[in-house]
Amino acid sequence: LLGRDKPSIGYIPSCSDMERKYFEHTVRYYNQLGIENIHYYDLD
């Protein structure tokens, strides 16, 4: 679906994650797929 050499991922948490606990899991997950460009967007 991403279909690009260097895709960008935007992470929007369902609630604020000030310690980035769940975001870090997401970063590790995408890093294993070779995706490095991951951004955290807290809308709260």
PDB file of all heavy atoms in Angstrom:
ATOM      1  N   LEU A   1       0.820  -1.210   0.000  1.00  0.00           N
ATOM      2  CA  LEU A   1       0.000   0.000   0.000  1.00  0.00           C
ATOM      3  C   LEU A   1       0.854   1.259   0.000  1.00  0.00           C
ATOM      4  O   LEU A   1       0.530   2.237  -0.670  1.00  0.00           O
ATOM      5  CB  LEU A   1      -0.952   0.001   1.203  1.00  0.00           C
ATOM      6  CG  LEU A   1      -2.109  -0.983   1.128  1.00  0.00           C
ATOM      7  CD1 LEU A   1      -2.804  -1.093   2.473  1.00  0.00           C
ATOM      8  CD2 LEU A   1      -3.104  -0.550   0.054  1.00  0.00           C
ATOM      9  N   LEU A   2       1.937   1.242   0.753  1.00  0.00           N
ATOM     10  CA  LEU A   2       2.808   2.415   0.812  1.00  0.00           C
ATOM     11  C   LEU A   2       3.582   2.570  -0.493  1.00  0.00           C
ATOM     12  O   LEU A   2       3.746   3.679  -0.991  1.00  0.00           O
ATOM     13  CB  LEU A   2       3.740   2.328   2.007  1.00  0.00           C
ATOM     14  CG  LEU A   2       3.038   2.369   3.364  1.00  0.00           C
ATOM     15  CD1 LEU A   2       4.043   2.135   4.480  1.00  0.00           C
ATOM     16  CD2 LEU A   2       2.311   3.677   3.557  1.00  0.00           C
ATOM     17  N   GLY A   3       4.084   1.462  -1.034  1.00  0.00           N
ATOM     18  CA  GLY A   3       4.681   1.434  -2.352  1.00  0.00           C
ATOM     19  C   GLY A   3       5.755   2.466  -2.648  1.00  0.00           C
ATOM     20  O   GLY A   3       5.851   2.940  -3.764  1.00  0.00           O
ATOM     21  N   ARG A   4       6.567   2.831  -1.701  1.00  0.00           N
ATOM     22  CA  ARG A   4       7.614   3.819  -1.905  1.00  0.00           C
ATOM     23  C   ARG A   4       8.904   3.334  -1.274  1.00  0.00           C
ATOM     24  O   ARG A   4       8.887   2.508  -0.372  1.00  0.00           O
ATOM     25  CB  ARG A   4       7.213   5.150  -1.277  1.00  0.00           C
ATOM     26  CG  ARG A   4       5.983   5.756  -1.933  1.00  0.00           C
ATOM     27  CD  ARG A   4       5.407   6.897  -1.176  1.00  0.00           C
ATOM     28  NE  ARG A   4       6.378   7.914  -0.832  1.00  0.00           N
ATOM     29  CZ  ARG A   4       6.091   8.999  -0.163  1.00  0.00           C
ATOM     30  NH1 ARG A   4       4.864   9.212   0.231  1.00  0.00           N
ATOM     31  NH2 ARG A   4       7.007   9.880   0.129  1.00  0.00           N
ATOM     32  N   ASP A   5      10.021   3.908  -1.741  1.00  0.00           N
ATOM     33  CA  ASP A   5      11.319   3.530  -1.173  1.00  0.00           C
ATOM     34  C   ASP A   5      11.470   4.004   0.266  1.00  0.00           C
ATOM     35  O   ASP A   5      12.009   3.303   1.103  1.00  0.00           O
ATOM     36  CB  ASP A   5      12.457   4.107  -2.006  1.00  0.00           C
ATOM     37  CG  ASP A   5      12.569   3.411  -3.346  1.00  0.00           C
ATOM     38  OD1 ASP A   5      12.169   2.241  -3.448  1.00  0.00           O
ATOM     39  OD2 ASP A   5      13.048   4.056  -4.292  1.00  0.00           O
ATOM     40  N   LYS A   6      11.007   5.207   0.556  1.00  0.00           N
ATOM     41  CA  LYS A   6      11.142   5.778   1.901  1.00  0.00           C
ATOM     42  C   LYS A   6       9.793   6.351   2.351  1.00  0.00           C
ATOM     43  O   LYS A   6       9.607   7.561   2.376  1.00  0.00           O
ATOM     44  CB  LYS A   6      12.219   6.855   1.911  1.00  0.00           C
ATOM     45  CG  LYS A   6      13.590   6.290   1.614  1.00  0.00           C
ATOM     46  CD  LYS A   6      14.654   7.315   1.781  1.00  0.00           C
ATOM     47  CE  LYS A   6      15.989   6.657   1.473  1.00  0.00           C
ATOM     48  NZ  LYS A   6      17.088   7.377   1.992  1.00  0.00           N
ATOM     49  N   PRO A   7       8.866   5.491   2.721  1.00  0.00           N
ATOM     50  CA  PRO A   7       7.546   5.979   3.126  1.00  0.00           C
ATOM     51  C   PRO A   7       7.598   6.739   4.455  1.00  0.00           C
ATOM     52  O   PRO A   7       8.516   6.565   5.251  1.00  0.00           O
ATOM     53  CB  PRO A   7       6.712   4.709   3.265  1.00  0.00           C
ATOM     54  CG  PRO A   7       7.697   3.629   3.504  1.00  0.00           C
ATOM     55  CD  PRO A   7       8.954   4.043   2.793  1.00  0.00           C
ATOM     56  N   SER A   8       6.624   7.574   4.657  1.00  0.00           N
ATOM     57  CA  SER A   8       6.493   8.353   5.886  1.00  0.00           C
ATOM     58  C   SER A   8       5.233   7.881   6.614  1.00  0.00           C
ATOM     59  O   SER A   8       4.173   7.768   6.009  1.00  0.00           O
ATOM     60  CB  SER A   8       6.379   9.835   5.548  1.00  0.00           C
ATOM     61  OG  SER A   8       6.205  10.595   6.707  1.00  0.00           O
ATOM     62  N   ILE A   9       5.379   7.627   7.913  1.00  0.00           N
ATOM     63  CA  ILE A   9       4.263   7.162   8.739  1.00  0.00           C
ATOM     64  C   ILE A   9       3.918   8.255   9.738  1.00  0.00           C
ATOM     65  O   ILE A   9       4.793   8.809  10.396  1.00  0.00           O
ATOM     66  CB  ILE A   9       4.651   5.886   9.530  1.00  0.00           C
ATOM     67  CG1 ILE A   9       5.078   4.754   8.599  1.00  0.00           C
ATOM     68  CG2 ILE A   9       3.533   5.456  10.473  1.00  0.00           C
ATOM     69  CD1 ILE A   9       3.976   4.130   7.818  1.00  0.00           C
ATOM     70  N   GLY A  10       2.654   8.572   9.858  1.00  0.00           N
ATOM     71  CA  GLY A  10       2.172   9.490  10.880  1.00  0.00           C
ATOM     72  C   GLY A  10       1.401   8.702  11.924  1.00  0.00           C
ATOM     73  O   GLY A  10       0.461   7.983  11.588  1.00  0.00           O
ATOM     74  N   TYR A  11       1.804   8.804  13.166  1.00  0.00           N
ATOM     75  CA  TYR A  11       1.175   8.073  14.265  1.00  0.00           C
ATOM     76  C   TYR A  11       0.293   9.051  15.038  1.00  0.00           C
ATOM     77  O   TYR A  11       0.776  10.052  15.563  1.00  0.00           O
ATOM     78  CB  TYR A  11       2.247   7.488  15.182  1.00  0.00           C
ATOM     79  CG  TYR A  11       1.712   6.779  16.405  1.00  0.00           C
ATOM     80  CD1 TYR A  11       1.347   5.449  16.353  1.00  0.00           C
ATOM     81  CD2 TYR A  11       1.586   7.445  17.620  1.00  0.00           C
ATOM     82  CE1 TYR A  11       0.861   4.790  17.475  1.00  0.00           C
ATOM     83  CE2 TYR A  11       1.103   6.800  18.746  1.00  0.00           C
ATOM     84  CZ  TYR A  11       0.737   5.475  18.674  1.00  0.00           C
ATOM     85  OH  TYR A  11       0.263   4.836  19.778  1.00  0.00           O
ATOM     86  N   ILE A  12      -1.011   8.782  15.105  1.00  0.00           N
ATOM     87  CA  ILE A  12      -1.947   9.608  15.861  1.00  0.00           C
ATOM     88  C   ILE A  12      -2.511   8.744  16.977  1.00  0.00           C
ATOM     89  O   ILE A  12      -3.297   7.828  16.712  1.00  0.00           O
ATOM     90  CB  ILE A  12      -3.081  10.131  14.968  1.00  0.00           C
ATOM     91  CG1 ILE A  12      -2.509  10.931  13.801  1.00  0.00           C
ATOM     92  CG2 ILE A  12      -4.059  10.975  15.784  1.00  0.00           C
ATOM     93  CD1 ILE A  12      -3.520  11.318  12.753  1.00  0.00           C
ATOM     94  N   PRO A  13      -2.123   9.007  18.232  1.00  0.00           N
ATOM     95  CA  PRO A  13      -2.611   8.179  19.337  1.00  0.00           C
ATOM     96  C   PRO A  13      -4.081   8.468  19.638  1.00  0.00           C
ATOM     97  O   PRO A  13      -4.567   9.580  19.402  1.00  0.00           O
ATOM     98  CB  PRO A  13      -1.721   8.590  20.509  1.00  0.00           C
ATOM     99  CG  PRO A  13      -1.340   9.999  20.206  1.00  0.00           C
ATOM    100  CD  PRO A  13      -1.235  10.076  18.706  1.00  0.00           C
ATOM    101  N   SER A  14      -4.774   7.477  20.174  1.00  0.00           N
ATOM    102  CA  SER A  14      -6.175   7.674  20.551  1.00  0.00           C
ATOM    103  C   SER A  14      -6.300   8.554  21.789  1.00  0.00           C
ATOM    104  O   SER A  14      -7.344   9.151  22.022  1.00  0.00           O
ATOM    105  CB  SER A  14      -6.865   6.334  20.788  1.00  0.00           C
ATOM    106  OG  SER A  14      -6.195   5.624  21.814  1.00  0.00           O
ATOM    107  N   CYS A  15      -5.234   8.628  22.584  1.00  0.00           N
ATOM    108  CA  CYS A  15      -5.139   9.555  23.709  1.00  0.00           C
ATOM    109  C   CYS A  15      -3.654   9.872  23.901  1.00  0.00           C
ATOM    110  O   CYS A  15      -2.802   9.160  23.396  1.00  0.00           O
ATOM    111  CB  CYS A  15      -5.756   8.986  24.979  1.00  0.00           C
ATOM    112  SG  CYS A  15      -4.945   7.516  25.603  1.00  0.00           S
ATOM    113  N   SER A  16      -3.369  10.948  24.587  1.00  0.00           N
ATOM    114  CA  SER A  16      -1.976  11.360  24.753  1.00  0.00           C
ATOM    115  C   SER A  16      -1.135  10.251  25.375  1.00  0.00           C
ATOM    116  O   SER A  16      -1.572   9.557  26.279  1.00  0.00           O
ATOM    117  CB  SER A  16      -1.895  12.615  25.625  1.00  0.00           C
ATOM    118  OG  SER A  16      -2.494  13.690  24.941  1.00  0.00           O
ATOM    119  N   ASP A  17       0.046  10.106  24.857  1.00  0.00           N
ATOM    120  CA  ASP A  17       0.996   9.077  25.306  1.00  0.00           C
ATOM    121  C   ASP A  17       2.287   9.816  25.639  1.00  0.00           C
ATOM    122  O   ASP A  17       3.257   9.767  24.896  1.00  0.00           O
ATOM    123  CB  ASP A  17       1.194   8.056  24.181  1.00  0.00           C
ATOM    124  CG  ASP A  17       2.157   6.938  24.522  1.00  0.00           C
ATOM    125  OD1 ASP A  17       2.487   6.767  25.717  1.00  0.00           O
ATOM    126  OD2 ASP A  17       2.594   6.236  23.594  1.00  0.00           O
ATOM    127  N   MET A  18       2.275  10.529  26.744  1.00  0.00           N
ATOM    128  CA  MET A  18       3.393  11.405  27.089  1.00  0.00           C
ATOM    129  C   MET A  18       4.715  10.657  27.221  1.00  0.00           C
ATOM    130  O   MET A  18       5.766  11.200  26.920  1.00  0.00           O
ATOM    131  CB  MET A  18       3.088  12.182  28.376  1.00  0.00           C
ATOM    132  CG  MET A  18       1.809  13.021  28.310  1.00  0.00           C
ATOM    133  SD  MET A  18       1.722  14.127  26.903  1.00  0.00           S
ATOM    134  CE  MET A  18       2.823  15.400  27.468  1.00  0.00           C
ATOM    135  N   GLU A  19       4.685   9.404  27.641  1.00  0.00           N
ATOM    136  CA  GLU A  19       5.911   8.616  27.759  1.00  0.00           C
ATOM    137  C   GLU A  19       6.266   7.924  26.446  1.00  0.00           C
ATOM    138  O   GLU A  19       7.303   7.281  26.347  1.00  0.00           O
ATOM    139  CB  GLU A  19       5.779   7.565  28.876  1.00  0.00           C
ATOM    140  CG  GLU A  19       5.738   8.148  30.277  1.00  0.00           C
ATOM    141  CD  GLU A  19       4.347   8.664  30.648  1.00  0.00           C
ATOM    142  OE1 GLU A  19       3.334   8.058  30.210  1.00  0.00           O
ATOM    143  OE2 GLU A  19       4.270   9.675  31.348  1.00  0.00           O
ATOM    144  N   ARG A  20       5.382   8.012  25.454  1.00  0.00           N
ATOM    145  CA  ARG A  20       5.582   7.412  24.128  1.00  0.00           C
ATOM    146  C   ARG A  20       5.701   5.888  24.186  1.00  0.00           C
ATOM    147  O   ARG A  20       6.324   5.264  23.333  1.00  0.00           O
ATOM    148  CB  ARG A  20       6.800   7.995  23.413  1.00  0.00           C
ATOM    149  CG  ARG A  20       6.838   9.506  23.291  1.00  0.00           C
ATOM    150  CD  ARG A  20       5.768  10.004  22.340  1.00  0.00           C
ATOM    151  NE  ARG A  20       6.012  11.369  21.913  1.00  0.00           N
ATOM    152  CZ  ARG A  20       5.438  12.441  22.445  1.00  0.00           C
ATOM    153  NH1 ARG A  20       4.597  12.304  23.466  1.00  0.00           N
ATOM    154  NH2 ARG A  20       5.693  13.638  21.994  1.00  0.00           N
ATOM    155  N   LYS A  21       5.073   5.276  25.179  1.00  0.00           N
ATOM    156  CA  LYS A  21       5.136   3.822  25.349  1.00  0.00           C
ATOM    157  C   LYS A  21       4.592   3.095  24.115  1.00  0.00           C
ATOM    158  O   LYS A  21       5.249   2.215  23.567  1.00  0.00           O
ATOM    159  CB  LYS A  21       4.337   3.417  26.595  1.00  0.00           C
ATOM    160  CG  LYS A  21       4.214   1.931  26.805  1.00  0.00           C
ATOM    161  CD  LYS A  21       3.361   1.623  28.026  1.00  0.00           C
ATOM    162  CE  LYS A  21       3.109   0.136  28.147  1.00  0.00           C
ATOM    163  NZ  LYS A  21       2.218  -0.170  29.258  1.00  0.00           N
ATOM    164  N   TYR A  22       3.413   3.453  23.681  1.00  0.00           N
ATOM    165  CA  TYR A  22       2.794   2.779  22.546  1.00  0.00           C
ATOM    166  C   TYR A  22       3.422   3.229  21.230  1.00  0.00           C
ATOM    167  O   TYR A  22       3.545   2.454  20.284  1.00  0.00           O
ATOM    168  CB  TYR A  22       1.282   3.005  22.547  1.00  0.00           C
ATOM    169  CG  TYR A  22       0.655   2.421  23.789  1.00  0.00           C
ATOM    170  CD1 TYR A  22       0.291   3.223  24.866  1.00  0.00           C
ATOM    171  CD2 TYR A  22       0.484   1.038  23.904  1.00  0.00           C
ATOM    172  CE1 TYR A  22      -0.246   2.672  26.013  1.00  0.00           C
ATOM    173  CE2 TYR A  22      -0.060   0.484  25.058  1.00  0.00           C
ATOM    174  CZ  TYR A  22      -0.421   1.307  26.108  1.00  0.00           C
ATOM    175  OH  TYR A  22      -0.944   0.762  27.246  1.00  0.00           O
ATOM    176  N   PHE A  23       3.849   4.467  21.186  1.00  0.00           N
ATOM    177  CA  PHE A  23       4.536   4.966  19.995  1.00  0.00           C
ATOM    178  C   PHE A  23       5.839   4.210  19.774  1.00  0.00           C
ATOM    179  O   PHE A  23       6.172   3.849  18.642  1.00  0.00           O
ATOM    180  CB  PHE A  23       4.795   6.468  20.121  1.00  0.00           C
ATOM    181  CG  PHE A  23       5.557   7.042  18.961  1.00  0.00           C
ATOM    182  CD1 PHE A  23       5.022   7.035  17.687  1.00  0.00           C
ATOM    183  CD2 PHE A  23       6.811   7.598  19.148  1.00  0.00           C
ATOM    184  CE1 PHE A  23       5.725   7.560  16.617  1.00  0.00           C
ATOM    185  CE2 PHE A  23       7.520   8.131  18.089  1.00  0.00           C
ATOM    186  CZ  PHE A  23       6.975   8.111  16.819  1.00  0.00           C
ATOM    187  N   GLU A  24       6.578   3.932  20.829  1.00  0.00           N
ATOM    188  CA  GLU A  24       7.843   3.197  20.694  1.00  0.00           C
ATOM    189  C   GLU A  24       7.608   1.799  20.133  1.00  0.00           C
ATOM    190  O   GLU A  24       8.410   1.312  19.331  1.00  0.00           O
ATOM    191  CB  GLU A  24       8.594   3.141  22.026  1.00  0.00           C
ATOM    192  CG  GLU A  24       9.176   4.475  22.441  1.00  0.00           C
ATOM    193  CD  GLU A  24      10.110   5.082  21.395  1.00  0.00           C
ATOM    194  OE1 GLU A  24      10.903   4.326  20.785  1.00  0.00           O
ATOM    195  OE2 GLU A  24      10.042   6.299  21.176  1.00  0.00           O
ATOM    196  N   HIS A  25       6.519   1.163  20.537  1.00  0.00           N
ATOM    197  CA  HIS A  25       6.173  -0.141  19.962  1.00  0.00           C
ATOM    198  C   HIS A  25       5.936   0.010  18.459  1.00  0.00           C
ATOM    199  O   HIS A  25       6.414  -0.800  17.649  1.00  0.00           O
ATOM    200  CB  HIS A  25       4.930  -0.728  20.635  1.00  0.00           C
ATOM    201  CG  HIS A  25       4.324  -1.867  19.875  1.00  0.00           C
ATOM    202  ND1 HIS A  25       4.917  -3.105  19.765  1.00  0.00           N
ATOM    203  CD2 HIS A  25       3.180  -1.938  19.152  1.00  0.00           C
ATOM    204  CE1 HIS A  25       4.156  -3.898  19.023  1.00  0.00           C
ATOM    205  NE2 HIS A  25       3.108  -3.210  18.637  1.00  0.00           N
ATOM    206  N   THR A  26       5.229   1.053  18.079  1.00  0.00           N
ATOM    207  CA  THR A  26       4.943   1.308  16.669  1.00  0.00           C
ATOM    208  C   THR A  26       6.221   1.574  15.890  1.00  0.00           C
ATOM    209  O   THR A  26       6.400   1.063  14.779  1.00  0.00           O
ATOM    210  CB  THR A  26       3.965   2.494  16.545  1.00  0.00           C
ATOM    211  OG1 THR A  26       2.754   2.167  17.239  1.00  0.00           O
ATOM    212  CG2 THR A  26       3.658   2.807  15.095  1.00  0.00           C
ATOM    213  N   VAL A  27       7.121   2.360  16.457  1.00  0.00           N
ATOM    214  CA  VAL A  27       8.401   2.649  15.807  1.00  0.00           C
ATOM    215  C   VAL A  27       9.170   1.351  15.572  1.00  0.00           C
ATOM    216  O   VAL A  27       9.679   1.099  14.475  1.00  0.00           O
ATOM    217  CB  VAL A  27       9.239   3.642  16.637  1.00  0.00           C
ATOM    218  CG1 VAL A  27      10.663   3.721  16.127  1.00  0.00           C
ATOM    219  CG2 VAL A  27       8.583   5.016  16.640  1.00  0.00           C
ATOM    220  N   ARG A  28       9.252   0.504  16.582  1.00  0.00           N
ATOM    221  CA  ARG A  28       9.960  -0.773  16.434  1.00  0.00           C
ATOM    222  C   ARG A  28       9.316  -1.644  15.346  1.00  0.00           C
ATOM    223  O   ARG A  28      10.001  -2.266  14.551  1.00  0.00           O
ATOM    224  CB  ARG A  28      10.013  -1.525  17.761  1.00  0.00           C
ATOM    225  CG  ARG A  28      10.998  -0.945  18.749  1.00  0.00           C
ATOM    226  CD  ARG A  28      11.218  -1.854  19.952  1.00  0.00           C
ATOM    227  NE  ARG A  28       9.996  -2.254  20.631  1.00  0.00           N
ATOM    228  CZ  ARG A  28       9.394  -1.550  21.590  1.00  0.00           C
ATOM    229  NH1 ARG A  28       9.897  -0.403  22.001  1.00  0.00           N
ATOM    230  NH2 ARG A  28       8.291  -1.999  22.158  1.00  0.00           N
ATOM    231  N   TYR A  29       7.998  -1.664  15.327  1.00  0.00           N
ATOM    232  CA  TYR A  29       7.269  -2.463  14.340  1.00  0.00           C
ATOM    233  C   TYR A  29       7.631  -2.021  12.925  1.00  0.00           C
ATOM    234  O   TYR A  29       8.004  -2.834  12.082  1.00  0.00           O
ATOM    235  CB  TYR A  29       5.760  -2.326  14.570  1.00  0.00           C
ATOM    236  CG  TYR A  29       4.932  -3.232  13.694  1.00  0.00           C
ATOM    237  CD1 TYR A  29       4.540  -4.484  14.141  1.00  0.00           C
ATOM    238  CD2 TYR A  29       4.537  -2.839  12.419  1.00  0.00           C
ATOM    239  CE1 TYR A  29       3.776  -5.322  13.357  1.00  0.00           C
ATOM    240  CE2 TYR A  29       3.778  -3.672  11.616  1.00  0.00           C
ATOM    241  CZ  TYR A  29       3.401  -4.902  12.088  1.00  0.00           C
ATOM    242  OH  TYR A  29       2.653  -5.738  11.297  1.00  0.00           O
ATOM    243  N   TYR A  30       7.532  -0.721  12.678  1.00  0.00           N
ATOM    244  CA  TYR A  30       7.820  -0.224  11.331  1.00  0.00           C
ATOM    245  C   TYR A  30       9.303  -0.286  10.993  1.00  0.00           C
ATOM    246  O   TYR A  30       9.661  -0.500   9.836  1.00  0.00           O
ATOM    247  CB  TYR A  30       7.269   1.184  11.141  1.00  0.00           C
ATOM    248  CG  TYR A  30       5.768   1.198  10.995  1.00  0.00           C
ATOM    249  CD1 TYR A  30       4.967   1.860  11.902  1.00  0.00           C
ATOM    250  CD2 TYR A  30       5.150   0.527   9.945  1.00  0.00           C
ATOM    251  CE1 TYR A  30       3.583   1.870  11.772  1.00  0.00           C
ATOM    252  CE2 TYR A  30       3.769   0.521   9.810  1.00  0.00           C
ATOM    253  CZ  TYR A  30       2.992   1.197  10.721  1.00  0.00           C
ATOM    254  OH  TYR A  30       1.637   1.190  10.588  1.00  0.00           O
ATOM    255  N   ASN A  31      10.165  -0.119  11.972  1.00  0.00           N
ATOM    256  CA  ASN A  31      11.603  -0.253  11.723  1.00  0.00           C
ATOM    257  C   ASN A  31      11.930  -1.653  11.215  1.00  0.00           C
ATOM    258  O   ASN A  31      12.799  -1.816  10.348  1.00  0.00           O
ATOM    259  CB  ASN A  31      12.414   0.043  12.971  1.00  0.00           C
ATOM    260  CG  ASN A  31      12.484   1.511  13.335  1.00  0.00           C
ATOM    261  OD1 ASN A  31      12.944   1.856  14.415  1.00  0.00           O
ATOM    262  ND2 ASN A  31      12.052   2.402  12.466  1.00  0.00           N
ATOM    263  N   GLN A  32      11.249  -2.666  11.732  1.00  0.00           N
ATOM    264  CA  GLN A  32      11.470  -4.040  11.276  1.00  0.00           C
ATOM    265  C   GLN A  32      11.083  -4.228   9.809  1.00  0.00           C
ATOM    266  O   GLN A  32      11.566  -5.129   9.140  1.00  0.00           O
ATOM    267  CB  GLN A  32      10.693  -5.035  12.141  1.00  0.00           C
ATOM    268  CG  GLN A  32      11.224  -5.151  13.542  1.00  0.00           C
ATOM    269  CD  GLN A  32      10.379  -6.085  14.392  1.00  0.00           C
ATOM    270  OE1 GLN A  32       9.408  -6.677  13.934  1.00  0.00           O
ATOM    271  NE2 GLN A  32      10.751  -6.224  15.646  1.00  0.00           N
ATOM    272  N   LEU A  33      10.206  -3.337   9.311  1.00  0.00           N
ATOM    273  CA  LEU A  33       9.799  -3.391   7.907  1.00  0.00           C
ATOM    274  C   LEU A  33      10.693  -2.514   7.035  1.00  0.00           C
ATOM    275  O   LEU A  33      10.474  -2.393   5.837  1.00  0.00           O
ATOM    276  CB  LEU A  33       8.342  -2.924   7.757  1.00  0.00           C
ATOM    277  CG  LEU A  33       7.284  -3.757   8.464  1.00  0.00           C
ATOM    278  CD1 LEU A  33       5.902  -3.159   8.226  1.00  0.00           C
ATOM    279  CD2 LEU A  33       7.320  -5.194   8.010  1.00  0.00           C
ATOM    280  N   GLY A  34      11.676  -1.868   7.661  1.00  0.00           N
ATOM    281  CA  GLY A  34      12.572  -0.992   6.925  1.00  0.00           C
ATOM    282  C   GLY A  34      12.077   0.432   6.803  1.00  0.00           C
ATOM    283  O   GLY A  34      12.603   1.221   6.027  1.00  0.00           O
ATOM    284  N   ILE A  35      11.058   0.792   7.571  1.00  0.00           N
ATOM    285  CA  ILE A  35      10.489   2.142   7.541  1.00  0.00           C
ATOM    286  C   ILE A  35      11.061   2.934   8.705  1.00  0.00           C
ATOM    287  O   ILE A  35      10.922   2.537   9.861  1.00  0.00           O
ATOM    288  CB  ILE A  35       8.951   2.093   7.614  1.00  0.00           C
ATOM    289  CG1 ILE A  35       8.399   1.287   6.434  1.00  0.00           C
ATOM    290  CG2 ILE A  35       8.361   3.493   7.651  1.00  0.00           C
ATOM    291  CD1 ILE A  35       6.929   0.975   6.521  1.00  0.00           C
ATOM    292  N   GLU A  36      11.716   4.036   8.403  1.00  0.00           N
ATOM    293  CA  GLU A  36      12.399   4.838   9.424  1.00  0.00           C
ATOM    294  C   GLU A  36      11.726   6.185   9.691  1.00  0.00           C
ATOM    295  O   GLU A  36      11.928   6.781  10.731  1.00  0.00           O
ATOM    296  CB  GLU A  36      13.849   5.083   8.997  1.00  0.00           C
ATOM    297  CG  GLU A  36      14.656   3.809   8.796  1.00  0.00           C
ATOM    298  CD  GLU A  36      14.945   3.079  10.092  1.00  0.00           C
ATOM    299  OE1 GLU A  36      15.079   3.744  11.140  1.00  0.00           O
ATOM    300  OE2 GLU A  36      15.033   1.835  10.057  1.00  0.00           O
ATOM    301  N   ASN A  37      10.948   6.691   8.756  1.00  0.00           N
ATOM    302  CA  ASN A  37      10.382   8.034   8.836  1.00  0.00           C
ATOM    303  C   ASN A  37       9.004   7.984   9.516  1.00  0.00           C
ATOM    304  O   ASN A  37       7.974   7.869   8.843  1.00  0.00           O
ATOM    305  CB  ASN A  37      10.285   8.619   7.424  1.00  0.00           C
ATOM    306  CG  ASN A  37      10.045  10.104   7.424  1.00  0.00           C
ATOM    307  OD1 ASN A  37      10.091  10.754   8.455  1.00  0.00           O
ATOM    308  ND2 ASN A  37       9.770  10.633   6.251  1.00  0.00           N
ATOM    309  N   ILE A  38       9.002   8.060  10.855  1.00  0.00           N
ATOM    310  CA  ILE A  38       7.778   7.885  11.642  1.00  0.00           C
ATOM    311  C   ILE A  38       7.596   9.108  12.540  1.00  0.00           C
ATOM    312  O   ILE A  38       8.488   9.467  13.297  1.00  0.00           O
ATOM    313  CB  ILE A  38       7.849   6.594  12.479  1.00  0.00           C
ATOM    314  CG1 ILE A  38       8.158   5.406  11.571  1.00  0.00           C
ATOM    315  CG2 ILE A  38       6.559   6.375  13.250  1.00  0.00           C
ATOM    316  CD1 ILE A  38       8.687   4.204  12.280  1.00  0.00           C
ATOM    317  N   HIS A  39       6.424   9.733  12.442  1.00  0.00           N
ATOM    318  CA  HIS A  39       6.154  10.973  13.174  1.00  0.00           C
ATOM    319  C   HIS A  39       5.014  10.780  14.170  1.00  0.00           C
ATOM    320  O   HIS A  39       4.024  10.120  13.867  1.00  0.00           O
ATOM    321  CB  HIS A  39       5.766  12.090  12.205  1.00  0.00           C
ATOM    322  CG  HIS A  39       6.765  12.286  11.124  1.00  0.00           C
ATOM    323  ND1 HIS A  39       7.867  13.068  11.276  1.00  0.00           N
ATOM    324  CD2 HIS A  39       6.838  11.760   9.876  1.00  0.00           C
ATOM    325  CE1 HIS A  39       8.575  13.046  10.167  1.00  0.00           C
ATOM    326  NE2 HIS A  39       7.978  12.249   9.302  1.00  0.00           N
ATOM    327  N   TYR A  40       5.147  11.397  15.329  1.00  0.00           N
ATOM    328  CA  TYR A  40       4.129  11.334  16.387  1.00  0.00           C
ATOM    329  C   TYR A  40       3.291  12.616  16.337  1.00  0.00           C
ATOM    330  O   TYR A  40       3.841  13.721  16.397  1.00  0.00           O
ATOM    331  CB  TYR A  40       4.828  11.210  17.749  1.00  0.00           C
ATOM    332  CG  TYR A  40       3.889  11.128  18.928  1.00  0.00           C
ATOM    333  CD1 TYR A  40       3.408   9.907  19.372  1.00  0.00           C
ATOM    334  CD2 TYR A  40       3.492  12.267  19.616  1.00  0.00           C
ATOM    335  CE1 TYR A  40       2.562   9.822  20.465  1.00  0.00           C
ATOM    336  CE2 TYR A  40       2.645  12.189  20.707  1.00  0.00           C
ATOM    337  CZ  TYR A  40       2.182  10.970  21.123  1.00  0.00           C
ATOM    338  OH  TYR A  40       1.350  10.891  22.200  1.00  0.00           O
ATOM    339  N   TYR A  41       1.970  12.479  16.212  1.00  0.00           N
ATOM    340  CA  TYR A  41       1.059  13.624  16.180  1.00  0.00           C
ATOM    341  C   TYR A  41       0.019  13.483  17.285  1.00  0.00           C
ATOM    342  O   TYR A  41      -0.957  12.763  17.143  1.00  0.00           O
ATOM    343  CB  TYR A  41       0.344  13.726  14.830  1.00  0.00           C
ATOM    344  CG  TYR A  41       1.267  13.971  13.673  1.00  0.00           C
ATOM    345  CD1 TYR A  41       1.559  12.960  12.760  1.00  0.00           C
ATOM    346  CD2 TYR A  41       1.861  15.217  13.495  1.00  0.00           C
ATOM    347  CE1 TYR A  41       2.410  13.190  11.688  1.00  0.00           C
ATOM    348  CE2 TYR A  41       2.718  15.447  12.428  1.00  0.00           C
ATOM    349  CZ  TYR A  41       2.984  14.440  11.535  1.00  0.00           C
ATOM    350  OH  TYR A  41       3.832  14.662  10.479  1.00  0.00           O
ATOM    351  N   ASP A  42       0.245  14.177  18.369  1.00  0.00           N
ATOM    352  CA  ASP A  42      -0.711  14.180  19.487  1.00  0.00           C
ATOM    353  C   ASP A  42      -1.716  15.298  19.213  1.00  0.00           C
ATOM    354  O   ASP A  42      -1.358  16.467  19.186  1.00  0.00           O
ATOM    355  CB  ASP A  42       0.034  14.442  20.799  1.00  0.00           C
ATOM    356  CG  ASP A  42      -0.866  14.366  22.015  1.00  0.00           C
ATOM    357  OD1 ASP A  42      -2.102  14.561  21.881  1.00  0.00           O
ATOM    358  OD2 ASP A  42      -0.348  14.126  23.107  1.00  0.00           O
ATOM    359  N   LEU A  43      -2.968  14.933  18.981  1.00  0.00           N
ATOM    360  CA  LEU A  43      -3.988  15.924  18.676  1.00  0.00           C
ATOM    361  C   LEU A  43      -4.681  16.453  19.919  1.00  0.00           C
ATOM    362  O   LEU A  43      -5.581  17.276  19.824  1.00  0.00           O
ATOM    363  CB  LEU A  43      -5.026  15.327  17.717  1.00  0.00           C
ATOM    364  CG  LEU A  43      -4.466  14.814  16.396  1.00  0.00           C
ATOM    365  CD1 LEU A  43      -5.580  14.249  15.538  1.00  0.00           C
ATOM    366  CD2 LEU A  43      -3.695  15.899  15.674  1.00  0.00           C
ATOM    367  N   ASP A  44      -4.235  16.020  21.085  1.00  0.00           N
ATOM    368  CA  ASP A  44      -4.858  16.417  22.343  1.00  0.00           C
ATOM    369  C   ASP A  44      -3.986  17.439  23.069  1.00  0.00           C
ATOM    370  O   ASP A  44      -4.213  18.641  22.968  1.00  0.00           O
ATOM    371  CB  ASP A  44      -5.096  15.170  23.202  1.00  0.00           C
ATOM    372  CG  ASP A  44      -5.895  15.447  24.457  1.00  0.00           C
ATOM    373  OD1 ASP A  44      -6.616  16.448  24.506  1.00  0.00           O
ATOM    374  OD2 ASP A  44      -5.780  14.646  25.394  1.00  0.00           O
TER     375      ASP A  44
END
